[in-house]
Amino acid sequence: MGTKSAWTPERRARQAEIIRATQPWKSSTGPKTPEGKAKSSRNAYAGDWYHEAMKKLADNRETMLGLFGRQRFPRGTLPDMGRTRASGPKKDFR
């Protein structure tokens, strides 16, 4: 892997056994106080910066499409952005 793991396979197995025996998920009930509930309700909040960035991207896209007089970008002109396909390499069907 590159770095040494602090837990040996034996330690991992022992910890898994302890967790299965104690079953901590059965006593986990979530926040009970209004303050705790309010705090946990914001767990997925990404902040206003995310929405502002998405709006700017949409505006820029509309601007660029307008400059070229198009409804959408031509196929294959946008970068792949590192996404991979499970079906394998791209095929050229021209």
PDB file of N, CA and C in Angstrom:
ATOM      1  N   MET A   1       0.803  -1.198   0.000  1.00  0.00           N
ATOM      2  CA  MET A   1       0.000   0.000   0.000  1.00  0.00           C
ATOM      3  C   MET A   1       0.845   1.261   0.000  1.00  0.00           C
ATOM      4  N   GLY A   2       1.968   1.252   0.576  1.00  0.00           N
ATOM      5  CA  GLY A   2       2.780   2.448   0.615  1.00  0.00           C
ATOM      6  C   GLY A   2       3.109   2.852   2.038  1.00  0.00           C
ATOM      7  N   THR A   3       2.124   2.834   2.904  1.00  0.00           N
ATOM      8  CA  THR A   3       2.377   3.141   4.314  1.00  0.00           C
ATOM      9  C   THR A   3       1.969   1.942   5.149  1.00  0.00           C
ATOM     10  N   LYS A   4       2.601   1.828   6.296  1.00  0.00           N
ATOM     11  CA  LYS A   4       2.275   0.714   7.177  1.00  0.00           C
ATOM     12  C   LYS A   4       0.969   0.993   7.900  1.00  0.00           C
ATOM     13  N   SER A   5       0.138   0.001   7.955  1.00  0.00           N
ATOM     14  CA  SER A   5      -1.104   0.138   8.685  1.00  0.00           C
ATOM     15  C   SER A   5      -0.828  -0.051  10.173  1.00  0.00           C
ATOM     16  N   ALA A   6      -1.488   0.729  10.989  1.00  0.00           N
ATOM     17  CA  ALA A   6      -1.301   0.627  12.431  1.00  0.00           C
ATOM     18  C   ALA A   6      -2.007  -0.604  12.982  1.00  0.00           C
ATOM     19  N   TRP A   7      -2.956  -1.138  12.252  1.00  0.00           N
ATOM     20  CA  TRP A   7      -3.712  -2.296  12.719  1.00  0.00           C
ATOM     21  C   TRP A   7      -3.281  -3.532  11.950  1.00  0.00           C
ATOM     22  N   THR A   8      -2.924  -4.548  12.663  1.00  0.00           N
ATOM     23  CA  THR A   8      -2.574  -5.821  12.028  1.00  0.00           C
ATOM     24  C   THR A   8      -3.867  -6.549  11.669  1.00  0.00           C
ATOM     25  N   PRO A   9      -3.807  -7.527  10.793  1.00  0.00           N
ATOM     26  CA  PRO A   9      -5.020  -8.290  10.467  1.00  0.00           C
ATOM     27  C   PRO A   9      -5.652  -8.931  11.712  1.00  0.00           C
ATOM     28  N   GLU A  10      -4.804  -9.374  12.649  1.00  0.00           N
ATOM     29  CA  GLU A  10      -5.338  -9.966  13.879  1.00  0.00           C
ATOM     30  C   GLU A  10      -6.096  -8.926  14.696  1.00  0.00           C
ATOM     31  N   ARG A  11      -5.551  -7.703  14.753  1.00  0.00           N
ATOM     32  CA  ARG A  11      -6.190  -6.628  15.509  1.00  0.00           C
ATOM     33  C   ARG A  11      -7.509  -6.231  14.860  1.00  0.00           C
ATOM     34  N   ARG A  12      -7.531  -6.185  13.538  1.00  0.00           N
ATOM     35  CA  ARG A  12      -8.768  -5.861  12.831  1.00  0.00           C
ATOM     36  C   ARG A  12      -9.843  -6.915  13.102  1.00  0.00           C
ATOM     37  N   ALA A  13      -9.452  -8.174  13.064  1.00  0.00           N
ATOM     38  CA  ALA A  13     -10.401  -9.261  13.319  1.00  0.00           C
ATOM     39  C   ALA A  13     -10.944  -9.177  14.742  1.00  0.00           C
ATOM     40  N   ARG A  14     -10.068  -8.891  15.713  1.00  0.00           N
ATOM     41  CA  ARG A  14     -10.491  -8.780  17.101  1.00  0.00           C
ATOM     42  C   ARG A  14     -11.450  -7.598  17.287  1.00  0.00           C
ATOM     43  N   GLN A  15     -11.138  -6.474  16.649  1.00  0.00           N
ATOM     44  CA  GLN A  15     -12.005  -5.303  16.745  1.00  0.00           C
ATOM     45  C   GLN A  15     -13.364  -5.580  16.104  1.00  0.00           C
ATOM     46  N   ALA A  16     -13.374  -6.256  14.970  1.00  0.00           N
ATOM     47  CA  ALA A  16     -14.635  -6.600  14.314  1.00  0.00           C
ATOM     48  C   ALA A  16     -15.477  -7.499  15.212  1.00  0.00           C
ATOM     49  N   GLU A  17     -14.834  -8.429  15.882  1.00  0.00           N
ATOM     50  CA  GLU A  17     -15.536  -9.316  16.803  1.00  0.00           C
ATOM     51  C   GLU A  17     -16.137  -8.528  17.967  1.00  0.00           C
ATOM     52  N   ILE A  18     -15.388  -7.585  18.507  1.00  0.00           N
ATOM     53  CA  ILE A  18     -15.872  -6.750  19.608  1.00  0.00           C
ATOM     54  C   ILE A  18     -17.086  -5.936  19.162  1.00  0.00           C
ATOM     55  N   ILE A  19     -16.994  -5.349  17.972  1.00  0.00           N
ATOM     56  CA  ILE A  19     -18.095  -4.523  17.459  1.00  0.00           C
ATOM     57  C   ILE A  19     -19.338  -5.372  17.230  1.00  0.00           C
ATOM     58  N   ARG A  20     -19.155  -6.565  16.657  1.00  0.00           N
ATOM     59  CA  ARG A  20     -20.310  -7.440  16.450  1.00  0.00           C
ATOM     60  C   ARG A  20     -20.928  -7.864  17.772  1.00  0.00           C
ATOM     61  N   ALA A  21     -20.107  -8.060  18.791  1.00  0.00           N
ATOM     62  CA  ALA A  21     -20.620  -8.486  20.094  1.00  0.00           C
ATOM     63  C   ALA A  21     -21.359  -7.360  20.813  1.00  0.00           C
ATOM     64  N   THR A  22     -20.824  -6.144  20.757  1.00  0.00           N
ATOM     65  CA  THR A  22     -21.448  -5.030  21.492  1.00  0.00           C
ATOM     66  C   THR A  22     -22.579  -4.371  20.719  1.00  0.00           C
ATOM     67  N   GLN A  23     -22.588  -4.483  19.411  1.00  0.00           N
ATOM     68  CA  GLN A  23     -23.612  -3.918  18.523  1.00  0.00           C
ATOM     69  C   GLN A  23     -23.957  -2.467  18.885  1.00  0.00           C
ATOM     70  N   PRO A  24     -22.986  -1.548  18.754  1.00  0.00           N
ATOM     71  CA  PRO A  24     -23.239  -0.162  19.153  1.00  0.00           C
ATOM     72  C   PRO A  24     -24.328   0.531  18.338  1.00  0.00           C
ATOM     73  N   TRP A  25     -24.621   0.047  17.148  1.00  0.00           N
ATOM     74  CA  TRP A  25     -25.631   0.685  16.310  1.00  0.00           C
ATOM     75  C   TRP A  25     -27.032   0.538  16.908  1.00  0.00           C
ATOM     76  N   LYS A  26     -27.238  -0.431  17.792  1.00  0.00           N
ATOM     77  CA  LYS A  26     -28.559  -0.617  18.395  1.00  0.00           C
ATOM     78  C   LYS A  26     -28.880   0.451  19.430  1.00  0.00           C
ATOM     79  N   SER A  27     -27.859   1.025  20.052  1.00  0.00           N
ATOM     80  CA  SER A  27     -28.114   2.049  21.064  1.00  0.00           C
ATOM     81  C   SER A  27     -27.935   3.455  20.513  1.00  0.00           C
ATOM     82  N   SER A  28     -27.588   3.575  19.248  1.00  0.00           N
ATOM     83  CA  SER A  28     -27.399   4.883  18.635  1.00  0.00           C
ATOM     84  C   SER A  28     -28.756   5.389  18.163  1.00  0.00           C
ATOM     85  N   THR A  29     -29.246   6.438  18.789  1.00  0.00           N
ATOM     86  CA  THR A  29     -30.581   6.937  18.460  1.00  0.00           C
ATOM     87  C   THR A  29     -30.566   8.326  17.843  1.00  0.00           C
ATOM     88  N   GLY A  30     -29.409   8.918  17.702  1.00  0.00           N
ATOM     89  CA  GLY A  30     -29.341  10.245  17.112  1.00  0.00           C
ATOM     90  C   GLY A  30     -29.519  11.333  18.148  1.00  0.00           C
ATOM     91  N   PRO A  31     -29.536  12.586  17.705  1.00  0.00           N
ATOM     92  CA  PRO A  31     -29.635  13.711  18.633  1.00  0.00           C
ATOM     93  C   PRO A  31     -31.009  13.773  19.292  1.00  0.00           C
ATOM     94  N   LYS A  32     -31.027  14.206  20.548  1.00  0.00           N
ATOM     95  CA  LYS A  32     -32.279  14.312  21.293  1.00  0.00           C
ATOM     96  C   LYS A  32     -32.661  15.761  21.594  1.00  0.00           C
ATOM     97  N   THR A  33     -31.678  16.633  21.771  1.00  0.00           N
ATOM     98  CA  THR A  33     -31.974  18.025  22.106  1.00  0.00           C
ATOM     99  C   THR A  33     -32.241  18.820  20.832  1.00  0.00           C
ATOM    100  N   PRO A  34     -32.984  19.912  20.945  1.00  0.00           N
ATOM    101  CA  PRO A  34     -33.216  20.759  19.768  1.00  0.00           C
ATOM    102  C   PRO A  34     -31.905  21.280  19.164  1.00  0.00           C
ATOM    103  N   GLU A  35     -30.921  21.581  20.030  1.00  0.00           N
ATOM    104  CA  GLU A  35     -29.626  22.065  19.526  1.00  0.00           C
ATOM    105  C   GLU A  35     -28.926  20.976  18.712  1.00  0.00           C
ATOM    106  N   GLY A  36     -28.955  19.757  19.233  1.00  0.00           N
ATOM    107  CA  GLY A  36     -28.322  18.642  18.523  1.00  0.00           C
ATOM    108  C   GLY A  36     -29.005  18.336  17.210  1.00  0.00           C
ATOM    109  N   LYS A  37     -30.336  18.412  17.206  1.00  0.00           N
ATOM    110  CA  LYS A  37     -31.092  18.163  15.975  1.00  0.00           C
ATOM    111  C   LYS A  37     -30.804  19.239  14.935  1.00  0.00           C
ATOM    112  N   ALA A  38     -30.700  20.491  15.396  1.00  0.00           N
ATOM    113  CA  ALA A  38     -30.393  21.584  14.469  1.00  0.00           C
ATOM    114  C   ALA A  38     -29.000  21.415  13.883  1.00  0.00           C
ATOM    115  N   LYS A  39     -28.059  21.006  14.724  1.00  0.00           N
ATOM    116  CA  LYS A  39     -26.688  20.814  14.251  1.00  0.00           C
ATOM    117  C   LYS A  39     -26.603  19.666  13.246  1.00  0.00           C
ATOM    118  N   SER A  40     -27.256  18.551  13.536  1.00  0.00           N
ATOM    119  CA  SER A  40     -27.183  17.402  12.632  1.00  0.00           C
ATOM    120  C   SER A  40     -27.936  17.658  11.331  1.00  0.00           C
ATOM    121  N   SER A  41     -28.928  18.554  11.365  1.00  0.00           N
ATOM    122  CA  SER A  41     -29.659  18.845  10.138  1.00  0.00           C
ATOM    123  C   SER A  41     -28.799  19.591   9.123  1.00  0.00           C
ATOM    124  N   ARG A  42     -27.697  20.185   9.580  1.00  0.00           N
ATOM    125  CA  ARG A  42     -26.799  20.926   8.689  1.00  0.00           C
ATOM    126  C   ARG A  42     -25.607  20.091   8.222  1.00  0.00           C
ATOM    127  N   ASN A  43     -25.618  18.798   8.466  1.00  0.00           N
ATOM    128  CA  ASN A  43     -24.470  17.957   8.114  1.00  0.00           C
ATOM    129  C   ASN A  43     -24.133  17.992   6.626  1.00  0.00           C
ATOM    130  N   ALA A  44     -25.126  18.004   5.778  1.00  0.00           N
ATOM    131  CA  ALA A  44     -24.866  17.953   4.340  1.00  0.00           C
ATOM    132  C   ALA A  44     -24.783  19.340   3.699  1.00  0.00           C
ATOM    133  N   TYR A  45     -24.888  20.394   4.478  1.00  0.00           N
ATOM    134  CA  TYR A  45     -24.878  21.750   3.933  1.00  0.00           C
ATOM    135  C   TYR A  45     -23.508  22.080   3.352  1.00  0.00           C
ATOM    136  N   ALA A  46     -23.475  22.415   2.082  1.00  0.00           N
ATOM    137  CA  ALA A  46     -22.214  22.699   1.407  1.00  0.00           C
ATOM    138  C   ALA A  46     -21.861  24.186   1.475  1.00  0.00           C
ATOM    139  N   GLY A  47     -22.802  25.011   1.832  1.00  0.00           N
ATOM    140  CA  GLY A  47     -22.534  26.440   1.919  1.00  0.00           C
ATOM    141  C   GLY A  47     -22.982  27.169   0.672  1.00  0.00           C
ATOM    142  N   ASP A  48     -23.046  28.482   0.781  1.00  0.00           N
ATOM    143  CA  ASP A  48     -23.496  29.302  -0.337  1.00  0.00           C
ATOM    144  C   ASP A  48     -22.504  29.299  -1.497  1.00  0.00           C
ATOM    145  N   TRP A  49     -21.239  29.058  -1.223  1.00  0.00           N
ATOM    146  CA  TRP A  49     -20.236  29.082  -2.280  1.00  0.00           C
ATOM    147  C   TRP A  49     -20.571  28.066  -3.363  1.00  0.00           C
ATOM    148  N   TYR A  50     -21.113  26.923  -2.997  1.00  0.00           N
ATOM    149  CA  TYR A  50     -21.428  25.879  -3.975  1.00  0.00           C
ATOM    150  C   TYR A  50     -22.506  26.368  -4.940  1.00  0.00           C
ATOM    151  N   HIS A  51     -23.564  26.940  -4.402  1.00  0.00           N
ATOM    152  CA  HIS A  51     -24.658  27.407  -5.243  1.00  0.00           C
ATOM    153  C   HIS A  51     -24.224  28.576  -6.122  1.00  0.00           C
ATOM    154  N   GLU A  52     -23.380  29.433  -5.576  1.00  0.00           N
ATOM    155  CA  GLU A  52     -22.859  30.539  -6.371  1.00  0.00           C
ATOM    156  C   GLU A  52     -22.002  30.023  -7.523  1.00  0.00           C
ATOM    157  N   ALA A  53     -21.169  29.031  -7.246  1.00  0.00           N
ATOM    158  CA  ALA A  53     -20.305  28.460  -8.284  1.00  0.00           C
ATOM    159  C   ALA A  53     -21.137  27.791  -9.376  1.00  0.00           C
ATOM    160  N   MET A  54     -22.186  27.070  -8.995  1.00  0.00           N
ATOM    161  CA  MET A  54     -23.042  26.408  -9.985  1.00  0.00           C
ATOM    162  C   MET A  54     -23.756  27.443 -10.853  1.00  0.00           C
ATOM    163  N   LYS A  55     -24.184  28.550 -10.244  1.00  0.00           N
ATOM    164  CA  LYS A  55     -24.844  29.609 -11.007  1.00  0.00           C
ATOM    165  C   LYS A  55     -23.868  30.239 -11.997  1.00  0.00           C
ATOM    166  N   LYS A  56     -22.626  30.486 -11.552  1.00  0.00           N
ATOM    167  CA  LYS A  56     -21.626  31.068 -12.455  1.00  0.00           C
ATOM    168  C   LYS A  56     -21.327  30.127 -13.612  1.00  0.00           C
ATOM    169  N   LEU A  57     -21.235  28.833 -13.334  1.00  0.00           N
ATOM    170  CA  LEU A  57     -20.992  27.867 -14.407  1.00  0.00           C
ATOM    171  C   LEU A  57     -22.132  27.876 -15.425  1.00  0.00           C
ATOM    172  N   ALA A  58     -23.355  27.908 -14.932  1.00  0.00           N
ATOM    173  CA  ALA A  58     -24.511  27.940 -15.832  1.00  0.00           C
ATOM    174  C   ALA A  58     -24.518  29.212 -16.665  1.00  0.00           C
ATOM    175  N   ASP A  59     -24.210  30.344 -16.025  1.00  0.00           N
ATOM    176  CA  ASP A  59     -24.170  31.617 -16.756  1.00  0.00           C
ATOM    177  C   ASP A  59     -23.075  31.601 -17.816  1.00  0.00           C
ATOM    178  N   ASN A  60     -21.899  31.088 -17.457  1.00  0.00           N
ATOM    179  CA  ASN A  60     -20.792  31.010 -18.417  1.00  0.00           C
ATOM    180  C   ASN A  60     -21.143  30.099 -19.583  1.00  0.00           C
ATOM    181  N   ARG A  61     -21.816  28.997 -19.285  1.00  0.00           N
ATOM    182  CA  ARG A  61     -22.221  28.074 -20.345  1.00  0.00           C
ATOM    183  C   ARG A  61     -23.177  28.770 -21.315  1.00  0.00           C
ATOM    184  N   GLU A  62     -24.167  29.471 -20.767  1.00  0.00           N
ATOM    185  CA  GLU A  62     -25.114  30.184 -21.623  1.00  0.00           C
ATOM    186  C   GLU A  62     -24.407  31.242 -22.463  1.00  0.00           C
ATOM    187  N   THR A  63     -23.453  31.947 -21.875  1.00  0.00           N
ATOM    188  CA  THR A  63     -22.702  32.970 -22.594  1.00  0.00           C
ATOM    189  C   THR A  63     -21.920  32.357 -23.753  1.00  0.00           C
ATOM    190  N   MET A  64     -21.224  31.262 -23.465  1.00  0.00           N
ATOM    191  CA  MET A  64     -20.418  30.622 -24.506  1.00  0.00           C
ATOM    192  C   MET A  64     -21.304  30.063 -25.624  1.00  0.00           C
ATOM    193  N   LEU A  65     -22.402  29.456 -25.265  1.00  0.00           N
ATOM    194  CA  LEU A  65     -23.304  28.933 -26.290  1.00  0.00           C
ATOM    195  C   LEU A  65     -23.873  30.073 -27.132  1.00  0.00           C
ATOM    196  N   GLY A  66     -24.180  31.193 -26.477  1.00  0.00           N
ATOM    197  CA  GLY A  66     -24.699  32.344 -27.205  1.00  0.00           C
ATOM    198  C   GLY A  66     -23.681  32.913 -28.183  1.00  0.00           C
ATOM    199  N   LEU A  67     -22.398  32.920 -27.801  1.00  0.00           N
ATOM    200  CA  LEU A  67     -21.352  33.428 -28.690  1.00  0.00           C
ATOM    201  C   LEU A  67     -21.265  32.606 -29.968  1.00  0.00           C
ATOM    202  N   PHE A  68     -21.508  31.311 -29.840  1.00  0.00           N
ATOM    203  CA  PHE A  68     -21.409  30.435 -31.005  1.00  0.00           C
ATOM    204  C   PHE A  68     -22.758  30.195 -31.669  1.00  0.00           C
ATOM    205  N   GLY A  69     -23.805  30.785 -31.135  1.00  0.00           N
ATOM    206  CA  GLY A  69     -25.127  30.623 -31.729  1.00  0.00           C
ATOM    207  C   GLY A  69     -25.611  29.194 -31.680  1.00  0.00           C
ATOM    208  N   ARG A  70     -25.362  28.524 -30.577  1.00  0.00           N
ATOM    209  CA  ARG A  70     -25.723  27.111 -30.462  1.00  0.00           C
ATOM    210  C   ARG A  70     -26.664  26.886 -29.286  1.00  0.00           C
ATOM    211  N   GLN A  71     -27.353  25.747 -29.332  1.00  0.00           N
ATOM    212  CA  GLN A  71     -28.201  25.325 -28.221  1.00  0.00           C
ATOM    213  C   GLN A  71     -27.418  24.449 -27.237  1.00  0.00           C
ATOM    214  N   ARG A  72     -26.433  23.715 -27.768  1.00  0.00           N
ATOM    215  CA  ARG A  72     -25.607  22.853 -26.927  1.00  0.00           C
ATOM    216  C   ARG A  72     -24.219  22.759 -27.537  1.00  0.00           C
ATOM    217  N   PHE A  73     -23.257  22.318 -26.741  1.00  0.00           N
ATOM    218  CA  PHE A  73     -21.906  22.151 -27.241  1.00  0.00           C
ATOM    219  C   PHE A  73     -21.832  20.948 -28.166  1.00  0.00           C
ATOM    220  N   PRO A  74     -20.976  21.012 -29.209  1.00  0.00           N
ATOM    221  CA  PRO A  74     -20.810  19.849 -30.080  1.00  0.00           C
ATOM    222  C   PRO A  74     -20.241  18.674 -29.293  1.00  0.00           C
ATOM    223  N   ARG A  75     -20.598  17.490 -29.686  1.00  0.00           N
ATOM    224  CA  ARG A  75     -20.139  16.287 -28.996  1.00  0.00           C
ATOM    225  C   ARG A  75     -18.622  16.171 -29.086  1.00  0.00           C
ATOM    226  N   GLY A  76     -17.994  15.851 -27.966  1.00  0.00           N
ATOM    227  CA  GLY A  76     -16.564  15.628 -27.945  1.00  0.00           C
ATOM    228  C   GLY A  76     -15.722  16.876 -27.741  1.00  0.00           C
ATOM    229  N   THR A  77     -16.344  18.028 -27.529  1.00  0.00           N
ATOM    230  CA  THR A  77     -15.556  19.252 -27.369  1.00  0.00           C
ATOM    231  C   THR A  77     -15.232  19.549 -25.910  1.00  0.00           C
ATOM    232  N   LEU A  78     -15.995  19.000 -24.991  1.00  0.00           N
ATOM    233  CA  LEU A  78     -15.739  19.244 -23.578  1.00  0.00           C
ATOM    234  C   LEU A  78     -14.757  18.210 -23.044  1.00  0.00           C
ATOM    235  N   PRO A  79     -13.902  18.598 -22.112  1.00  0.00           N
ATOM    236  CA  PRO A  79     -12.955  17.628 -21.553  1.00  0.00           C
ATOM    237  C   PRO A  79     -13.670  16.551 -20.755  1.00  0.00           C
ATOM    238  N   ASP A  80     -13.040  15.400 -20.644  1.00  0.00           N
ATOM    239  CA  ASP A  80     -13.624  14.253 -19.960  1.00  0.00           C
ATOM    240  C   ASP A  80     -13.633  14.445 -18.450  1.00  0.00           C
ATOM    241  N   MET A  81     -12.782  15.316 -17.911  1.00  0.00           N
ATOM    242  CA  MET A  81     -12.692  15.628 -16.489  1.00  0.00           C
ATOM    243  C   MET A  81     -12.324  14.408 -15.650  1.00  0.00           C
ATOM    244  N   GLY A  82     -11.608  13.459 -16.236  1.00  0.00           N
ATOM    245  CA  GLY A  82     -11.119  12.325 -15.471  1.00  0.00           C
ATOM    246  C   GLY A  82     -12.123  11.218 -15.263  1.00  0.00           C
ATOM    247  N   ARG A  83     -13.307  11.329 -15.832  1.00  0.00           N
ATOM    248  CA  ARG A  83     -14.297  10.270 -15.657  1.00  0.00           C
ATOM    249  C   ARG A  83     -13.909   9.059 -16.487  1.00  0.00           C
ATOM    250  N   THR A  84     -14.178   7.903 -15.963  1.00  0.00           N
ATOM    251  CA  THR A  84     -13.894   6.678 -16.701  1.00  0.00           C
ATOM    252  C   THR A  84     -15.194   5.965 -16.999  1.00  0.00           C
ATOM    253  N   ARG A  85     -15.157   5.155 -18.007  1.00  0.00           N
ATOM    254  CA  ARG A  85     -16.341   4.384 -18.373  1.00  0.00           C
ATOM    255  C   ARG A  85     -16.095   2.928 -18.037  1.00  0.00           C
ATOM    256  N   ALA A  86     -17.109   2.276 -17.509  1.00  0.00           N
ATOM    257  CA  ALA A  86     -16.973   0.876 -17.139  1.00  0.00           C
ATOM    258  C   ALA A  86     -16.921   0.008 -18.388  1.00  0.00           C
ATOM    259  N   SER A  87     -17.429   0.506 -19.514  1.00  0.00           N
ATOM    260  CA  SER A  87     -17.489  -0.322 -20.717  1.00  0.00           C
ATOM    261  C   SER A  87     -16.178  -0.352 -21.488  1.00  0.00           C
ATOM    262  N   GLY A  88     -15.183   0.371 -21.028  1.00  0.00           N
ATOM    263  CA  GLY A  88     -13.889   0.324 -21.702  1.00  0.00           C
ATOM    264  C   GLY A  88     -13.588   1.617 -22.433  1.00  0.00           C
ATOM    265  N   PRO A  89     -12.634   1.564 -23.359  1.00  0.00           N
ATOM    266  CA  PRO A  89     -12.223   2.790 -24.061  1.00  0.00           C
ATOM    267  C   PRO A  89     -13.311   3.302 -25.002  1.00  0.00           C
ATOM    268  N   LYS A  90     -13.193   4.596 -25.340  1.00  0.00           N
ATOM    269  CA  LYS A  90     -14.141   5.202 -26.265  1.00  0.00           C
ATOM    270  C   LYS A  90     -14.033   4.554 -27.631  1.00  0.00           C
ATOM    271  N   LYS A  91     -15.173   4.389 -28.270  1.00  0.00           N
ATOM    272  CA  LYS A  91     -15.193   3.824 -29.614  1.00  0.00           C
ATOM    273  C   LYS A  91     -15.591   4.920 -30.585  1.00  0.00           C
ATOM    274  N   ASP A  92     -14.976   4.933 -31.746  1.00  0.00           N
ATOM    275  CA  ASP A  92     -15.284   5.918 -32.756  1.00  0.00           C
ATOM    276  C   ASP A  92     -16.263   5.317 -33.754  1.00  0.00           C
ATOM    277  N   PHE A  93     -17.505   5.833 -33.792  1.00  0.00           N
ATOM    278  CA  PHE A  93     -18.534   5.277 -34.660  1.00  0.00           C
ATOM    279  C   PHE A  93     -18.815   6.160 -35.858  1.00  0.00           C
ATOM    280  N   ARG A  94     -17.803   6.783 -36.426  1.00  0.00           N
ATOM    281  CA  ARG A  94     -18.032   7.671 -37.577  1.00  0.00           C
ATOM    282  C   ARG A  94     -18.227   6.905 -38.831  1.00  0.00           C
TER     283      ARG A  94
END
